[in-house]
Amino acid sequence: MAIDDKVVTSNELTTSLIDAQIAAFQSFKVVAVADISKVVTEIEGRIEKAGLTCRVFTEYRSTALVGSFWGPTALLGVAAGIGMAAHNLATFNPDYEIGKNKLAGTITVTYKRSLS
């Protein structure tokens, strides 16, 4: 996340704020999120309503996946890796990425396309 990206709490997050960030092609971060699924669904819906595409993912999931290739969880790690690859292909080159971090209670919304 860039230094000038907006950071808001989930209590400050409104439909108009989401729409303004999307219209300006800005990245932003939502902190102190209690119901991550609800907030992600709202943000994803606003992005799609603006005619843009997005990919939702769990932050640090790929890092955790690396550790699962050893021991009894190896088969689950391989299956998760295949699922992640399929998801990335299905949402190839999105306008926005929405990263969920349930442990930290944050959502990072990143504009991925260049304006040129």
N, C-alpha and C. Protein backbone atom coordinates (compact mmCIF):
# COMPACT_ATOMS: atom_id res chain seq x y z
N MET A 1 0.83 -1.17 0.00
CA MET A 1 0.00 0.00 0.00
C MET A 1 0.87 1.24 0.00
N ALA A 2 0.53 2.20 -0.82
CA ALA A 2 1.30 3.45 -0.90
C ALA A 2 1.00 4.33 0.30
N ILE A 3 1.89 5.23 0.59
CA ILE A 3 1.76 6.11 1.74
C ILE A 3 0.50 6.96 1.67
N ASP A 4 0.10 7.39 0.46
CA ASP A 4 -1.04 8.29 0.34
C ASP A 4 -2.38 7.58 0.20
N ASP A 5 -2.41 6.25 0.31
CA ASP A 5 -3.66 5.51 0.24
C ASP A 5 -4.49 5.79 1.48
N LYS A 6 -5.80 5.89 1.30
CA LYS A 6 -6.72 6.21 2.38
C LYS A 6 -6.86 5.01 3.32
N VAL A 7 -6.91 5.29 4.62
CA VAL A 7 -7.16 4.27 5.63
C VAL A 7 -8.38 4.73 6.43
N VAL A 8 -9.39 3.86 6.50
CA VAL A 8 -10.62 4.17 7.24
C VAL A 8 -10.98 3.00 8.13
N THR A 9 -11.73 3.28 9.19
CA THR A 9 -12.26 2.20 10.01
C THR A 9 -13.55 1.71 9.36
N SER A 10 -13.97 0.53 9.72
CA SER A 10 -15.21 0.00 9.13
C SER A 10 -16.41 0.87 9.52
N ASN A 11 -16.34 1.56 10.66
CA ASN A 11 -17.43 2.46 11.06
C ASN A 11 -17.51 3.69 10.16
N GLU A 12 -16.38 4.12 9.60
CA GLU A 12 -16.34 5.30 8.73
C GLU A 12 -16.68 4.96 7.28
N LEU A 13 -16.67 3.68 6.95
CA LEU A 13 -16.87 3.24 5.57
C LEU A 13 -18.33 3.40 5.15
N THR A 14 -18.55 4.17 4.10
CA THR A 14 -19.89 4.38 3.56
C THR A 14 -19.90 4.03 2.08
N THR A 15 -21.09 3.84 1.55
CA THR A 15 -21.22 3.56 0.13
C THR A 15 -20.64 4.70 -0.71
N SER A 16 -20.89 5.92 -0.29
CA SER A 16 -20.37 7.06 -1.06
C SER A 16 -18.84 7.14 -1.00
N LEU A 17 -18.25 6.78 0.13
CA LEU A 17 -16.78 6.77 0.23
C LEU A 17 -16.20 5.69 -0.68
N ILE A 18 -16.81 4.50 -0.66
CA ILE A 18 -16.34 3.42 -1.53
C ILE A 18 -16.45 3.85 -2.99
N ASP A 19 -17.60 4.40 -3.36
CA ASP A 19 -17.82 4.84 -4.74
C ASP A 19 -16.82 5.92 -5.17
N ALA A 20 -16.52 6.84 -4.26
CA ALA A 20 -15.57 7.91 -4.58
C ALA A 20 -14.16 7.35 -4.81
N GLN A 21 -13.75 6.41 -3.98
CA GLN A 21 -12.44 5.79 -4.15
C GLN A 21 -12.37 5.03 -5.48
N ILE A 22 -13.42 4.31 -5.81
CA ILE A 22 -13.46 3.54 -7.05
C ILE A 22 -13.46 4.47 -8.26
N ALA A 23 -14.27 5.53 -8.21
CA ALA A 23 -14.35 6.48 -9.33
C ALA A 23 -13.01 7.16 -9.58
N ALA A 24 -12.22 7.33 -8.51
CA ALA A 24 -10.90 7.97 -8.64
C ALA A 24 -9.79 6.93 -8.85
N PHE A 25 -10.16 5.66 -8.98
CA PHE A 25 -9.20 4.57 -9.16
C PHE A 25 -8.15 4.57 -8.05
N GLN A 26 -8.61 4.72 -6.81
CA GLN A 26 -7.73 4.79 -5.66
C GLN A 26 -7.74 3.49 -4.86
N SER A 27 -6.63 3.19 -4.26
CA SER A 27 -6.52 2.07 -3.32
C SER A 27 -6.87 2.59 -1.94
N PHE A 28 -7.35 1.69 -1.08
CA PHE A 28 -7.66 2.09 0.29
C PHE A 28 -7.64 0.86 1.21
N LYS A 29 -7.59 1.14 2.50
CA LYS A 29 -7.54 0.07 3.50
C LYS A 29 -8.60 0.32 4.54
N VAL A 30 -9.30 -0.75 4.91
CA VAL A 30 -10.32 -0.67 5.96
C VAL A 30 -9.78 -1.43 7.16
N VAL A 31 -9.77 -0.78 8.32
CA VAL A 31 -9.24 -1.38 9.53
C VAL A 31 -10.36 -1.53 10.56
N ALA A 32 -10.09 -2.31 11.60
CA ALA A 32 -11.05 -2.56 12.68
C ALA A 32 -12.35 -3.14 12.13
N VAL A 33 -12.20 -4.16 11.27
CA VAL A 33 -13.36 -4.79 10.65
C VAL A 33 -13.79 -5.99 11.48
N ALA A 34 -15.03 -5.97 11.94
CA ALA A 34 -15.55 -7.10 12.72
C ALA A 34 -16.10 -8.19 11.81
N ASP A 35 -16.89 -7.79 10.80
CA ASP A 35 -17.50 -8.76 9.89
C ASP A 35 -16.87 -8.61 8.50
N ILE A 36 -15.75 -9.28 8.30
CA ILE A 36 -14.98 -9.14 7.06
C ILE A 36 -15.80 -9.55 5.84
N SER A 37 -16.53 -10.64 5.94
CA SER A 37 -17.30 -11.12 4.80
C SER A 37 -18.33 -10.09 4.33
N LYS A 38 -19.01 -9.47 5.26
CA LYS A 38 -20.03 -8.46 4.93
C LYS A 38 -19.40 -7.25 4.23
N VAL A 39 -18.30 -6.76 4.77
CA VAL A 39 -17.65 -5.58 4.20
C VAL A 39 -17.05 -5.90 2.83
N VAL A 40 -16.44 -7.06 2.69
CA VAL A 40 -15.87 -7.46 1.39
C VAL A 40 -16.98 -7.57 0.35
N THR A 41 -18.11 -8.16 0.72
CA THR A 41 -19.24 -8.28 -0.20
C THR A 41 -19.72 -6.90 -0.66
N GLU A 42 -19.78 -5.95 0.25
CA GLU A 42 -20.20 -4.58 -0.09
C GLU A 42 -19.21 -3.93 -1.06
N ILE A 43 -17.93 -4.03 -0.75
CA ILE A 43 -16.90 -3.42 -1.60
C ILE A 43 -16.89 -4.08 -2.98
N GLU A 44 -16.94 -5.40 -3.01
CA GLU A 44 -16.95 -6.14 -4.27
C GLU A 44 -18.15 -5.74 -5.12
N GLY A 45 -19.31 -5.60 -4.50
CA GLY A 45 -20.51 -5.19 -5.21
C GLY A 45 -20.40 -3.79 -5.80
N ARG A 46 -19.79 -2.87 -5.05
CA ARG A 46 -19.62 -1.49 -5.53
C ARG A 46 -18.64 -1.45 -6.70
N ILE A 47 -17.59 -2.25 -6.64
CA ILE A 47 -16.62 -2.32 -7.74
C ILE A 47 -17.30 -2.84 -9.00
N GLU A 48 -18.06 -3.92 -8.86
CA GLU A 48 -18.74 -4.51 -10.01
C GLU A 48 -19.83 -3.59 -10.55
N LYS A 49 -20.51 -2.86 -9.67
CA LYS A 49 -21.54 -1.91 -10.11
C LYS A 49 -20.91 -0.79 -10.96
N ALA A 50 -19.65 -0.48 -10.69
CA ALA A 50 -18.94 0.55 -11.46
C ALA A 50 -18.42 0.00 -12.79
N GLY A 51 -18.72 -1.28 -13.07
CA GLY A 51 -18.29 -1.89 -14.33
C GLY A 51 -16.85 -2.35 -14.34
N LEU A 52 -16.29 -2.54 -13.15
CA LEU A 52 -14.90 -2.98 -13.02
C LEU A 52 -14.87 -4.41 -12.49
N THR A 53 -13.69 -5.03 -12.59
CA THR A 53 -13.53 -6.39 -12.10
C THR A 53 -12.67 -6.40 -10.85
N CYS A 54 -12.80 -7.48 -10.07
CA CYS A 54 -11.98 -7.59 -8.87
C CYS A 54 -11.69 -9.05 -8.55
N ARG A 55 -10.66 -9.24 -7.77
CA ARG A 55 -10.27 -10.55 -7.26
C ARG A 55 -10.22 -10.43 -5.74
N VAL A 56 -10.90 -11.33 -5.06
CA VAL A 56 -10.87 -11.36 -3.59
C VAL A 56 -9.95 -12.50 -3.17
N PHE A 57 -9.07 -12.24 -2.24
CA PHE A 57 -8.15 -13.27 -1.77
C PHE A 57 -7.85 -13.07 -0.29
N THR A 58 -7.33 -14.10 0.33
CA THR A 58 -6.91 -14.02 1.72
C THR A 58 -5.43 -13.68 1.74
N GLU A 59 -5.09 -12.57 2.37
CA GLU A 59 -3.69 -12.15 2.44
C GLU A 59 -2.87 -13.20 3.19
N TYR A 60 -1.66 -13.39 2.76
CA TYR A 60 -0.69 -14.30 3.36
C TYR A 60 -1.05 -15.77 3.20
N ARG A 61 -2.07 -16.07 2.42
CA ARG A 61 -2.47 -17.46 2.21
C ARG A 61 -1.37 -18.24 1.48
N SER A 62 -0.75 -17.61 0.48
CA SER A 62 0.29 -18.32 -0.26
C SER A 62 1.51 -18.60 0.62
N THR A 63 1.79 -17.73 1.58
CA THR A 63 2.90 -17.96 2.50
C THR A 63 2.60 -19.17 3.39
N ALA A 64 1.38 -19.26 3.87
CA ALA A 64 0.99 -20.40 4.70
C ALA A 64 0.99 -21.68 3.88
N LEU A 65 0.67 -21.55 2.60
CA LEU A 65 0.63 -22.70 1.72
C LEU A 65 2.00 -23.34 1.58
N VAL A 66 3.05 -22.55 1.55
CA VAL A 66 4.41 -23.07 1.40
C VAL A 66 4.74 -24.03 2.54
N GLY A 67 4.36 -23.68 3.74
CA GLY A 67 4.64 -24.53 4.89
C GLY A 67 3.85 -25.82 4.89
N SER A 68 2.78 -25.89 4.10
CA SER A 68 1.94 -27.08 4.12
C SER A 68 2.44 -28.17 3.18
N PHE A 69 3.53 -27.96 2.48
CA PHE A 69 4.03 -28.98 1.56
C PHE A 69 4.88 -30.03 2.26
N TRP A 70 5.03 -29.94 3.55
CA TRP A 70 5.81 -30.92 4.30
C TRP A 70 4.91 -31.57 5.34
N GLY A 71 5.03 -32.86 5.48
CA GLY A 71 4.29 -33.57 6.51
C GLY A 71 2.90 -33.99 6.06
N PRO A 72 2.03 -34.25 7.02
CA PRO A 72 0.72 -34.80 6.71
C PRO A 72 -0.23 -33.84 5.99
N THR A 73 0.07 -32.58 5.99
CA THR A 73 -0.81 -31.61 5.33
C THR A 73 -0.43 -31.37 3.88
N ALA A 74 0.51 -32.12 3.36
CA ALA A 74 1.00 -31.90 1.99
C ALA A 74 -0.11 -32.02 0.96
N LEU A 75 -0.99 -33.02 1.08
CA LEU A 75 -2.07 -33.20 0.11
C LEU A 75 -3.04 -32.03 0.13
N LEU A 76 -3.36 -31.55 1.32
CA LEU A 76 -4.23 -30.38 1.42
C LEU A 76 -3.57 -29.15 0.83
N GLY A 77 -2.27 -29.01 1.03
CA GLY A 77 -1.53 -27.88 0.47
C GLY A 77 -1.55 -27.89 -1.05
N VAL A 78 -1.39 -29.06 -1.63
CA VAL A 78 -1.43 -29.18 -3.10
C VAL A 78 -2.81 -28.82 -3.62
N ALA A 79 -3.86 -29.33 -2.95
CA ALA A 79 -5.23 -29.03 -3.37
C ALA A 79 -5.52 -27.53 -3.27
N ALA A 80 -5.07 -26.91 -2.19
CA ALA A 80 -5.27 -25.47 -2.02
C ALA A 80 -4.52 -24.69 -3.09
N GLY A 81 -3.31 -25.13 -3.42
CA GLY A 81 -2.52 -24.47 -4.46
C GLY A 81 -3.20 -24.54 -5.82
N ILE A 82 -3.78 -25.69 -6.13
CA ILE A 82 -4.52 -25.84 -7.39
C ILE A 82 -5.73 -24.93 -7.40
N GLY A 83 -6.43 -24.86 -6.29
CA GLY A 83 -7.59 -23.97 -6.18
C GLY A 83 -7.22 -22.51 -6.35
N MET A 84 -6.11 -22.10 -5.74
CA MET A 84 -5.65 -20.71 -5.87
C MET A 84 -5.28 -20.39 -7.31
N ALA A 85 -4.62 -21.32 -7.99
CA ALA A 85 -4.24 -21.09 -9.39
C ALA A 85 -5.46 -20.97 -10.27
N ALA A 86 -6.47 -21.81 -10.04
CA ALA A 86 -7.70 -21.74 -10.83
C ALA A 86 -8.42 -20.42 -10.60
N HIS A 87 -8.45 -19.98 -9.34
CA HIS A 87 -9.10 -18.70 -9.01
C HIS A 87 -8.38 -17.54 -9.69
N ASN A 88 -7.06 -17.56 -9.67
CA ASN A 88 -6.29 -16.49 -10.30
C ASN A 88 -6.51 -16.45 -11.80
N LEU A 89 -6.66 -17.59 -12.44
CA LEU A 89 -6.96 -17.62 -13.88
C LEU A 89 -8.36 -17.10 -14.16
N ALA A 90 -9.31 -17.46 -13.31
CA ALA A 90 -10.70 -17.03 -13.50
C ALA A 90 -10.84 -15.53 -13.33
N THR A 91 -9.99 -14.93 -12.53
CA THR A 91 -10.05 -13.48 -12.30
C THR A 91 -8.78 -12.82 -12.83
N PHE A 92 -8.35 -13.23 -14.01
CA PHE A 92 -7.11 -12.74 -14.61
C PHE A 92 -7.18 -11.24 -14.87
N ASN A 93 -6.13 -10.54 -14.48
CA ASN A 93 -5.96 -9.11 -14.73
C ASN A 93 -7.13 -8.26 -14.24
N PRO A 94 -7.48 -8.34 -12.95
CA PRO A 94 -8.60 -7.56 -12.43
C PRO A 94 -8.24 -6.08 -12.29
N ASP A 95 -9.27 -5.24 -12.23
CA ASP A 95 -9.06 -3.82 -11.96
C ASP A 95 -8.64 -3.60 -10.50
N TYR A 96 -9.28 -4.34 -9.60
CA TYR A 96 -9.01 -4.22 -8.17
C TYR A 96 -8.72 -5.59 -7.56
N GLU A 97 -7.90 -5.60 -6.52
CA GLU A 97 -7.73 -6.77 -5.68
C GLU A 97 -8.18 -6.41 -4.28
N ILE A 98 -8.93 -7.32 -3.66
CA ILE A 98 -9.42 -7.12 -2.30
C ILE A 98 -8.78 -8.18 -1.43
N GLY A 99 -7.88 -7.75 -0.56
CA GLY A 99 -7.17 -8.67 0.33
C GLY A 99 -7.79 -8.69 1.71
N LYS A 100 -8.20 -9.87 2.15
CA LYS A 100 -8.80 -10.03 3.48
C LYS A 100 -7.72 -10.51 4.45
N ASN A 101 -7.66 -9.90 5.62
CA ASN A 101 -6.76 -10.36 6.67
C ASN A 101 -7.60 -10.50 7.93
N LYS A 102 -8.12 -11.70 8.15
CA LYS A 102 -9.02 -11.94 9.29
C LYS A 102 -8.30 -11.79 10.62
N LEU A 103 -7.04 -12.19 10.69
CA LEU A 103 -6.31 -12.08 11.95
C LEU A 103 -6.13 -10.63 12.38
N ALA A 104 -5.81 -9.76 11.42
CA ALA A 104 -5.61 -8.35 11.72
C ALA A 104 -6.90 -7.55 11.68
N GLY A 105 -7.97 -8.13 11.10
CA GLY A 105 -9.23 -7.41 10.97
C GLY A 105 -9.14 -6.28 9.96
N THR A 106 -8.43 -6.53 8.85
CA THR A 106 -8.26 -5.49 7.83
C THR A 106 -8.66 -6.00 6.45
N ILE A 107 -9.00 -5.05 5.59
CA ILE A 107 -9.27 -5.32 4.18
C ILE A 107 -8.47 -4.30 3.39
N THR A 108 -7.65 -4.78 2.45
CA THR A 108 -6.85 -3.91 1.61
C THR A 108 -7.39 -3.97 0.19
N VAL A 109 -7.83 -2.83 -0.31
CA VAL A 109 -8.40 -2.74 -1.66
C VAL A 109 -7.37 -2.02 -2.54
N THR A 110 -6.84 -2.72 -3.52
CA THR A 110 -5.74 -2.19 -4.33
C THR A 110 -6.13 -2.07 -5.78
N TYR A 111 -6.00 -0.85 -6.33
CA TYR A 111 -6.23 -0.65 -7.76
C TYR A 111 -5.01 -1.18 -8.51
N LYS A 112 -5.24 -2.08 -9.46
CA LYS A 112 -4.15 -2.79 -10.11
C LYS A 112 -3.81 -2.31 -11.53
N ARG A 113 -4.72 -1.63 -12.16
CA ARG A 113 -4.48 -1.22 -13.56
C ARG A 113 -3.80 0.13 -13.62
N SER A 114 -3.06 0.36 -14.67
CA SER A 114 -2.44 1.67 -14.84
C SER A 114 -3.43 2.58 -15.55
N LEU A 115 -3.36 3.86 -15.27
CA LEU A 115 -4.29 4.82 -15.87
C LEU A 115 -3.87 5.22 -17.28
N SER A 116 -2.76 4.73 -17.78
CA SER A 116 -2.30 5.12 -19.11
C SER A 116 -2.92 4.29 -20.19
